[in-house]
Amino acid sequence: MANYREAPLASRPKTLDPAEYFNLSLDKRRSVEEKATLRAQLKRQYQMQLNNPLRKELIEDPALTRWVYARTNPFNNFRPTKKTSLLGGLFGVLPLFVLYFVLKTDRVCTSKARLAKYRHTSSWV
């Protein structure tokens, strides 16, 4: 197994934990193999239905249906976390304050310049 360096903000995946990876019990290995065979059978069945030249009905994939529903309704599954709050602040709130600061300072500078120009050109002072 290659040397795996952990990322600073992420934990090590369970699949890369040497104690979990190499010391599997017989029951655990058997259950993993059963899940893999079931997954392969379902994949083969779906491919057979999909590639059938005589089919006339629509084939529904439940995983694809769940994925499309999650993509069309993102706010039902949204959970606020530190990361999403930080991203919302950086990309939603911070640009507004920066834009306000830039426009305000520009307005102040141009008004001072106009006032200085007006005072310089006026003859009544």
N, C-alpha and C. Protein backbone atom coordinates (compact mmCIF):
# COMPACT_ATOMS: atom_id res chain seq x y z
N MET A 1 0.84 -1.17 0.00
CA MET A 1 0.00 0.00 0.00
C MET A 1 0.89 1.24 0.00
N ALA A 2 0.52 2.22 -0.80
CA ALA A 2 1.33 3.44 -0.92
C ALA A 2 1.23 4.26 0.36
N ASN A 3 2.21 5.10 0.55
CA ASN A 3 2.19 5.99 1.70
C ASN A 3 1.12 7.05 1.48
N TYR A 4 0.19 7.13 2.39
CA TYR A 4 -0.95 8.05 2.27
C TYR A 4 -0.78 9.16 3.28
N ARG A 5 -0.73 10.38 2.81
CA ARG A 5 -0.67 11.53 3.70
C ARG A 5 -2.07 12.06 3.89
N GLU A 6 -2.44 12.29 5.13
CA GLU A 6 -3.77 12.82 5.39
C GLU A 6 -3.83 14.30 5.03
N ALA A 7 -4.97 14.70 4.50
CA ALA A 7 -5.19 16.10 4.20
C ALA A 7 -5.43 16.85 5.50
N PRO A 8 -5.09 18.15 5.55
CA PRO A 8 -5.23 18.87 6.81
C PRO A 8 -6.68 19.01 7.27
N LEU A 9 -7.64 19.09 6.35
CA LEU A 9 -9.03 19.31 6.73
C LEU A 9 -9.91 18.06 6.56
N ALA A 10 -9.31 16.93 6.22
CA ALA A 10 -10.09 15.72 6.01
C ALA A 10 -9.48 14.56 6.80
N SER A 11 -10.33 13.67 7.22
CA SER A 11 -9.83 12.51 7.95
C SER A 11 -9.50 11.39 6.96
N ARG A 12 -8.78 10.39 7.44
CA ARG A 12 -8.40 9.27 6.60
C ARG A 12 -9.63 8.39 6.32
N PRO A 13 -9.87 8.04 5.05
CA PRO A 13 -11.00 7.17 4.75
C PRO A 13 -10.83 5.80 5.40
N LYS A 14 -11.94 5.18 5.77
CA LYS A 14 -11.87 3.88 6.42
C LYS A 14 -11.23 2.82 5.53
N THR A 15 -11.39 2.99 4.23
CA THR A 15 -10.83 1.99 3.32
C THR A 15 -9.31 2.03 3.31
N LEU A 16 -8.71 3.13 3.75
CA LEU A 16 -7.26 3.23 3.77
C LEU A 16 -6.67 2.99 5.15
N ASP A 17 -7.50 2.70 6.12
CA ASP A 17 -7.00 2.39 7.45
C ASP A 17 -6.42 0.98 7.42
N PRO A 18 -5.13 0.81 7.69
CA PRO A 18 -4.53 -0.53 7.58
C PRO A 18 -5.19 -1.56 8.49
N ALA A 19 -5.62 -1.16 9.68
CA ALA A 19 -6.27 -2.11 10.58
C ALA A 19 -7.60 -2.59 10.00
N GLU A 20 -8.29 -1.70 9.35
CA GLU A 20 -9.58 -2.05 8.75
C GLU A 20 -9.40 -2.77 7.42
N TYR A 21 -8.35 -2.44 6.71
CA TYR A 21 -8.15 -2.94 5.36
C TYR A 21 -7.61 -4.36 5.33
N PHE A 22 -6.64 -4.64 6.16
CA PHE A 22 -5.99 -5.95 6.10
C PHE A 22 -6.56 -6.96 7.08
N ASN A 23 -7.10 -6.53 8.19
CA ASN A 23 -7.58 -7.45 9.21
C ASN A 23 -9.09 -7.65 9.14
N LEU A 24 -9.57 -8.04 7.98
CA LEU A 24 -10.99 -8.29 7.82
C LEU A 24 -11.32 -9.71 8.27
N SER A 25 -12.43 -9.83 8.96
CA SER A 25 -12.86 -11.17 9.37
C SER A 25 -13.46 -11.88 8.16
N LEU A 26 -13.65 -13.19 8.30
CA LEU A 26 -14.22 -13.97 7.21
C LEU A 26 -15.64 -13.54 6.90
N ASP A 27 -16.42 -13.22 7.94
CA ASP A 27 -17.80 -12.78 7.74
C ASP A 27 -17.84 -11.45 6.99
N LYS A 28 -16.95 -10.55 7.36
CA LYS A 28 -16.90 -9.24 6.71
C LYS A 28 -16.53 -9.39 5.24
N ARG A 29 -15.53 -10.22 4.95
CA ARG A 29 -15.15 -10.44 3.55
C ARG A 29 -16.29 -11.07 2.76
N ARG A 30 -16.98 -12.02 3.38
CA ARG A 30 -18.10 -12.68 2.72
C ARG A 30 -19.21 -11.68 2.41
N SER A 31 -19.52 -10.79 3.36
CA SER A 31 -20.58 -9.81 3.13
C SER A 31 -20.18 -8.81 2.04
N VAL A 32 -18.90 -8.43 2.01
CA VAL A 32 -18.43 -7.53 0.96
C VAL A 32 -18.54 -8.19 -0.40
N GLU A 33 -18.18 -9.48 -0.48
CA GLU A 33 -18.28 -10.20 -1.75
C GLU A 33 -19.73 -10.37 -2.18
N GLU A 34 -20.63 -10.63 -1.22
CA GLU A 34 -22.05 -10.75 -1.56
C GLU A 34 -22.60 -9.44 -2.10
N LYS A 35 -22.22 -8.33 -1.48
CA LYS A 35 -22.68 -7.02 -1.97
C LYS A 35 -22.14 -6.76 -3.37
N ALA A 36 -20.89 -7.14 -3.60
CA ALA A 36 -20.30 -6.92 -4.93
C ALA A 36 -21.00 -7.77 -5.99
N THR A 37 -21.31 -9.03 -5.66
CA THR A 37 -22.01 -9.87 -6.64
C THR A 37 -23.42 -9.36 -6.90
N LEU A 38 -24.11 -8.91 -5.86
CA LEU A 38 -25.46 -8.36 -6.05
C LEU A 38 -25.40 -7.11 -6.92
N ARG A 39 -24.41 -6.26 -6.66
CA ARG A 39 -24.24 -5.05 -7.46
C ARG A 39 -23.96 -5.41 -8.92
N ALA A 40 -23.13 -6.42 -9.15
CA ALA A 40 -22.81 -6.83 -10.51
C ALA A 40 -24.04 -7.41 -11.22
N GLN A 41 -24.85 -8.18 -10.48
CA GLN A 41 -26.07 -8.73 -11.08
C GLN A 41 -27.05 -7.62 -11.46
N LEU A 42 -27.23 -6.65 -10.57
CA LEU A 42 -28.13 -5.55 -10.88
C LEU A 42 -27.63 -4.73 -12.07
N LYS A 43 -26.32 -4.53 -12.13
CA LYS A 43 -25.75 -3.79 -13.25
C LYS A 43 -25.96 -4.56 -14.55
N ARG A 44 -25.73 -5.85 -14.50
CA ARG A 44 -25.94 -6.67 -15.71
C ARG A 44 -27.39 -6.66 -16.15
N GLN A 45 -28.32 -6.76 -15.20
CA GLN A 45 -29.75 -6.73 -15.52
C GLN A 45 -30.14 -5.39 -16.16
N TYR A 46 -29.63 -4.30 -15.61
CA TYR A 46 -29.93 -2.98 -16.16
C TYR A 46 -29.35 -2.85 -17.57
N GLN A 47 -28.11 -3.32 -17.77
CA GLN A 47 -27.51 -3.24 -19.10
C GLN A 47 -28.28 -4.09 -20.12
N MET A 48 -28.78 -5.25 -19.68
CA MET A 48 -29.56 -6.10 -20.59
C MET A 48 -30.86 -5.40 -20.99
N GLN A 49 -31.53 -4.76 -20.03
CA GLN A 49 -32.76 -4.03 -20.34
C GLN A 49 -32.47 -2.83 -21.23
N LEU A 50 -31.39 -2.14 -20.95
CA LEU A 50 -31.06 -0.92 -21.68
C LEU A 50 -30.69 -1.23 -23.13
N ASN A 51 -29.99 -2.33 -23.35
CA ASN A 51 -29.52 -2.66 -24.70
C ASN A 51 -30.45 -3.60 -25.46
N ASN A 52 -31.63 -3.85 -24.94
CA ASN A 52 -32.59 -4.70 -25.63
C ASN A 52 -33.14 -3.95 -26.84
N PRO A 53 -32.94 -4.47 -28.06
CA PRO A 53 -33.41 -3.74 -29.25
C PRO A 53 -34.93 -3.78 -29.40
N LEU A 54 -35.61 -4.69 -28.72
CA LEU A 54 -37.06 -4.83 -28.86
C LEU A 54 -37.85 -4.13 -27.75
N ARG A 55 -37.20 -3.42 -26.89
CA ARG A 55 -37.93 -2.79 -25.78
C ARG A 55 -38.75 -1.62 -26.29
N LYS A 56 -39.92 -1.45 -25.64
CA LYS A 56 -40.81 -0.36 -26.02
C LYS A 56 -41.14 0.54 -24.84
N GLU A 57 -40.79 0.11 -23.65
CA GLU A 57 -41.10 0.91 -22.46
C GLU A 57 -39.86 1.63 -21.96
N LEU A 58 -40.10 2.60 -21.10
CA LEU A 58 -39.02 3.36 -20.52
C LEU A 58 -38.43 2.58 -19.35
N ILE A 59 -37.11 2.56 -19.26
CA ILE A 59 -36.45 1.86 -18.16
C ILE A 59 -36.11 2.89 -17.09
N GLU A 60 -36.56 2.63 -15.88
CA GLU A 60 -36.28 3.54 -14.77
C GLU A 60 -35.15 2.99 -13.92
N ASP A 61 -34.18 3.84 -13.69
CA ASP A 61 -33.08 3.50 -12.79
C ASP A 61 -33.33 4.26 -11.49
N PRO A 62 -33.58 3.55 -10.38
CA PRO A 62 -33.90 4.25 -9.14
C PRO A 62 -32.78 5.16 -8.65
N ALA A 63 -31.52 4.79 -8.86
CA ALA A 63 -30.41 5.63 -8.44
C ALA A 63 -30.38 6.92 -9.25
N LEU A 64 -30.65 6.82 -10.55
CA LEU A 64 -30.68 7.99 -11.40
C LEU A 64 -31.85 8.90 -11.03
N THR A 65 -32.98 8.30 -10.69
CA THR A 65 -34.14 9.08 -10.26
C THR A 65 -33.84 9.84 -8.97
N ARG A 66 -33.20 9.18 -8.01
CA ARG A 66 -32.83 9.85 -6.77
C ARG A 66 -31.85 10.99 -7.03
N TRP A 67 -30.88 10.75 -7.93
CA TRP A 67 -29.89 11.76 -8.23
C TRP A 67 -30.54 12.99 -8.89
N VAL A 68 -31.44 12.76 -9.84
CA VAL A 68 -32.12 13.87 -10.51
C VAL A 68 -32.97 14.64 -9.52
N TYR A 69 -33.65 13.96 -8.62
CA TYR A 69 -34.47 14.64 -7.61
C TYR A 69 -33.59 15.49 -6.70
N ALA A 70 -32.45 14.95 -6.29
CA ALA A 70 -31.54 15.71 -5.42
C ALA A 70 -30.97 16.92 -6.15
N ARG A 71 -30.71 16.80 -7.46
CA ARG A 71 -30.18 17.93 -8.22
C ARG A 71 -31.24 19.00 -8.45
N THR A 72 -32.51 18.62 -8.60
CA THR A 72 -33.56 19.60 -8.86
C THR A 72 -34.06 20.25 -7.57
N ASN A 73 -33.88 19.61 -6.43
CA ASN A 73 -34.33 20.14 -5.15
C ASN A 73 -33.15 20.20 -4.18
N PRO A 74 -32.18 21.08 -4.43
CA PRO A 74 -30.98 21.06 -3.59
C PRO A 74 -31.21 21.56 -2.17
N PHE A 75 -32.22 22.40 -1.97
CA PHE A 75 -32.40 23.00 -0.66
C PHE A 75 -33.09 22.07 0.33
N ASN A 76 -33.69 21.00 -0.15
CA ASN A 76 -34.29 20.02 0.77
C ASN A 76 -33.22 19.23 1.50
N ASN A 77 -32.08 19.05 0.86
CA ASN A 77 -31.01 18.24 1.44
C ASN A 77 -29.86 19.09 1.96
N PHE A 78 -30.02 20.40 2.00
CA PHE A 78 -28.93 21.29 2.42
C PHE A 78 -28.84 21.32 3.93
N ARG A 79 -27.61 21.20 4.44
CA ARG A 79 -27.34 21.34 5.88
C ARG A 79 -26.28 22.41 6.04
N PRO A 80 -26.57 23.44 6.83
CA PRO A 80 -25.55 24.47 7.02
C PRO A 80 -24.39 23.94 7.86
N THR A 81 -23.20 24.10 7.36
CA THR A 81 -21.99 23.70 8.06
C THR A 81 -21.03 24.88 8.09
N LYS A 82 -19.90 24.71 8.72
CA LYS A 82 -18.90 25.77 8.76
C LYS A 82 -18.41 26.10 7.35
N LYS A 83 -18.22 25.07 6.55
CA LYS A 83 -17.71 25.28 5.20
C LYS A 83 -18.72 26.04 4.34
N THR A 84 -20.00 25.65 4.38
CA THR A 84 -20.99 26.35 3.57
C THR A 84 -21.21 27.77 4.06
N SER A 85 -21.12 27.98 5.37
CA SER A 85 -21.26 29.33 5.90
C SER A 85 -20.09 30.21 5.45
N LEU A 86 -18.89 29.66 5.48
CA LEU A 86 -17.72 30.40 5.04
C LEU A 86 -17.82 30.74 3.55
N LEU A 87 -18.21 29.76 2.75
CA LEU A 87 -18.34 30.01 1.31
C LEU A 87 -19.44 31.03 1.02
N GLY A 88 -20.55 30.95 1.76
CA GLY A 88 -21.61 31.93 1.58
C GLY A 88 -21.15 33.33 1.93
N GLY A 89 -20.35 33.45 3.00
CA GLY A 89 -19.82 34.76 3.37
C GLY A 89 -18.83 35.29 2.35
N LEU A 90 -17.95 34.40 1.88
CA LEU A 90 -16.92 34.83 0.93
C LEU A 90 -17.50 35.23 -0.43
N PHE A 91 -18.47 34.47 -0.92
CA PHE A 91 -18.99 34.71 -2.26
C PHE A 91 -20.31 35.46 -2.28
N GLY A 92 -20.96 35.62 -1.12
CA GLY A 92 -22.24 36.31 -1.09
C GLY A 92 -22.19 37.66 -0.41
N VAL A 93 -21.56 37.73 0.75
CA VAL A 93 -21.59 38.95 1.55
C VAL A 93 -20.35 39.81 1.33
N LEU A 94 -19.19 39.20 1.31
CA LEU A 94 -17.95 39.96 1.17
C LEU A 94 -17.89 40.80 -0.10
N PRO A 95 -18.29 40.29 -1.27
CA PRO A 95 -18.25 41.14 -2.47
C PRO A 95 -19.13 42.39 -2.35
N LEU A 96 -20.24 42.30 -1.63
CA LEU A 96 -21.09 43.48 -1.46
C LEU A 96 -20.37 44.55 -0.66
N PHE A 97 -19.71 44.17 0.42
CA PHE A 97 -18.98 45.14 1.23
C PHE A 97 -17.80 45.73 0.46
N VAL A 98 -17.09 44.91 -0.29
CA VAL A 98 -15.96 45.40 -1.09
C VAL A 98 -16.46 46.38 -2.14
N LEU A 99 -17.55 46.05 -2.82
CA LEU A 99 -18.10 46.94 -3.84
C LEU A 99 -18.56 48.26 -3.22
N TYR A 100 -19.21 48.20 -2.07
CA TYR A 100 -19.63 49.41 -1.38
C TYR A 100 -18.43 50.27 -1.02
N PHE A 101 -17.38 49.66 -0.48
CA PHE A 101 -16.18 50.41 -0.09
C PHE A 101 -15.53 51.08 -1.30
N VAL A 102 -15.42 50.33 -2.40
CA VAL A 102 -14.78 50.88 -3.60
C VAL A 102 -15.59 52.04 -4.16
N LEU A 103 -16.90 51.88 -4.26
CA LEU A 103 -17.73 52.95 -4.81
C LEU A 103 -17.75 54.16 -3.90
N LYS A 104 -17.80 53.95 -2.59
CA LYS A 104 -17.83 55.06 -1.64
C LYS A 104 -16.53 55.86 -1.68
N THR A 105 -15.39 55.16 -1.69
CA THR A 105 -14.12 55.89 -1.74
C THR A 105 -13.95 56.61 -3.07
N ASP A 106 -14.42 56.02 -4.15
CA ASP A 106 -14.35 56.67 -5.46
C ASP A 106 -15.21 57.93 -5.46
N ARG A 107 -16.40 57.84 -4.88
CA ARG A 107 -17.29 58.99 -4.83
C ARG A 107 -16.67 60.11 -3.99
N VAL A 108 -16.07 59.76 -2.87
CA VAL A 108 -15.44 60.77 -2.00
C VAL A 108 -14.27 61.43 -2.72
N CYS A 109 -13.45 60.64 -3.40
CA CYS A 109 -12.29 61.19 -4.09
C CYS A 109 -12.71 62.11 -5.23
N THR A 110 -13.70 61.70 -6.02
CA THR A 110 -14.13 62.54 -7.14
C THR A 110 -14.81 63.81 -6.64
N SER A 111 -15.58 63.73 -5.56
CA SER A 111 -16.22 64.94 -5.05
C SER A 111 -15.18 65.92 -4.50
N LYS A 112 -14.14 65.41 -3.85
CA LYS A 112 -13.06 66.29 -3.36
C LYS A 112 -12.34 66.94 -4.54
N ALA A 113 -12.11 66.18 -5.60
CA ALA A 113 -11.43 66.72 -6.76
C ALA A 113 -12.28 67.78 -7.43
N ARG A 114 -13.58 67.56 -7.55
CA ARG A 114 -14.47 68.56 -8.15
C ARG A 114 -14.53 69.82 -7.30
N LEU A 115 -14.59 69.63 -5.99
CA LEU A 115 -14.64 70.77 -5.10
C LEU A 115 -13.35 71.59 -5.20
N ALA A 116 -12.22 70.94 -5.27
CA ALA A 116 -10.94 71.65 -5.40
C ALA A 116 -10.88 72.38 -6.74
N LYS A 117 -11.37 71.76 -7.80
CA LYS A 117 -11.37 72.39 -9.12
C LYS A 117 -12.30 73.59 -9.13
N TYR A 118 -13.46 73.47 -8.48
CA TYR A 118 -14.42 74.56 -8.43
C TYR A 118 -13.85 75.75 -7.66
N ARG A 119 -13.21 75.47 -6.54
CA ARG A 119 -12.62 76.55 -5.74
C ARG A 119 -11.48 77.24 -6.49
N HIS A 120 -10.76 76.44 -7.26
CA HIS A 120 -9.61 77.00 -8.00
C HIS A 120 -10.09 77.91 -9.14
N THR A 121 -11.18 77.56 -9.79
CA THR A 121 -11.65 78.32 -10.95
C THR A 121 -12.61 79.43 -10.60
N SER A 122 -13.18 79.41 -9.41
CA SER A 122 -14.16 80.45 -9.09
C SER A 122 -13.44 81.77 -8.81
N SER A 123 -14.06 82.88 -9.22
CA SER A 123 -13.43 84.19 -9.09
C SER A 123 -13.92 84.97 -7.89
N TRP A 124 -14.96 84.52 -7.26
CA TRP A 124 -15.52 85.30 -6.13
C TRP A 124 -14.84 85.05 -4.80
N VAL A 125 -13.97 84.01 -4.71
CA VAL A 125 -13.32 83.71 -3.42
C VAL A 125 -12.13 84.61 -3.19
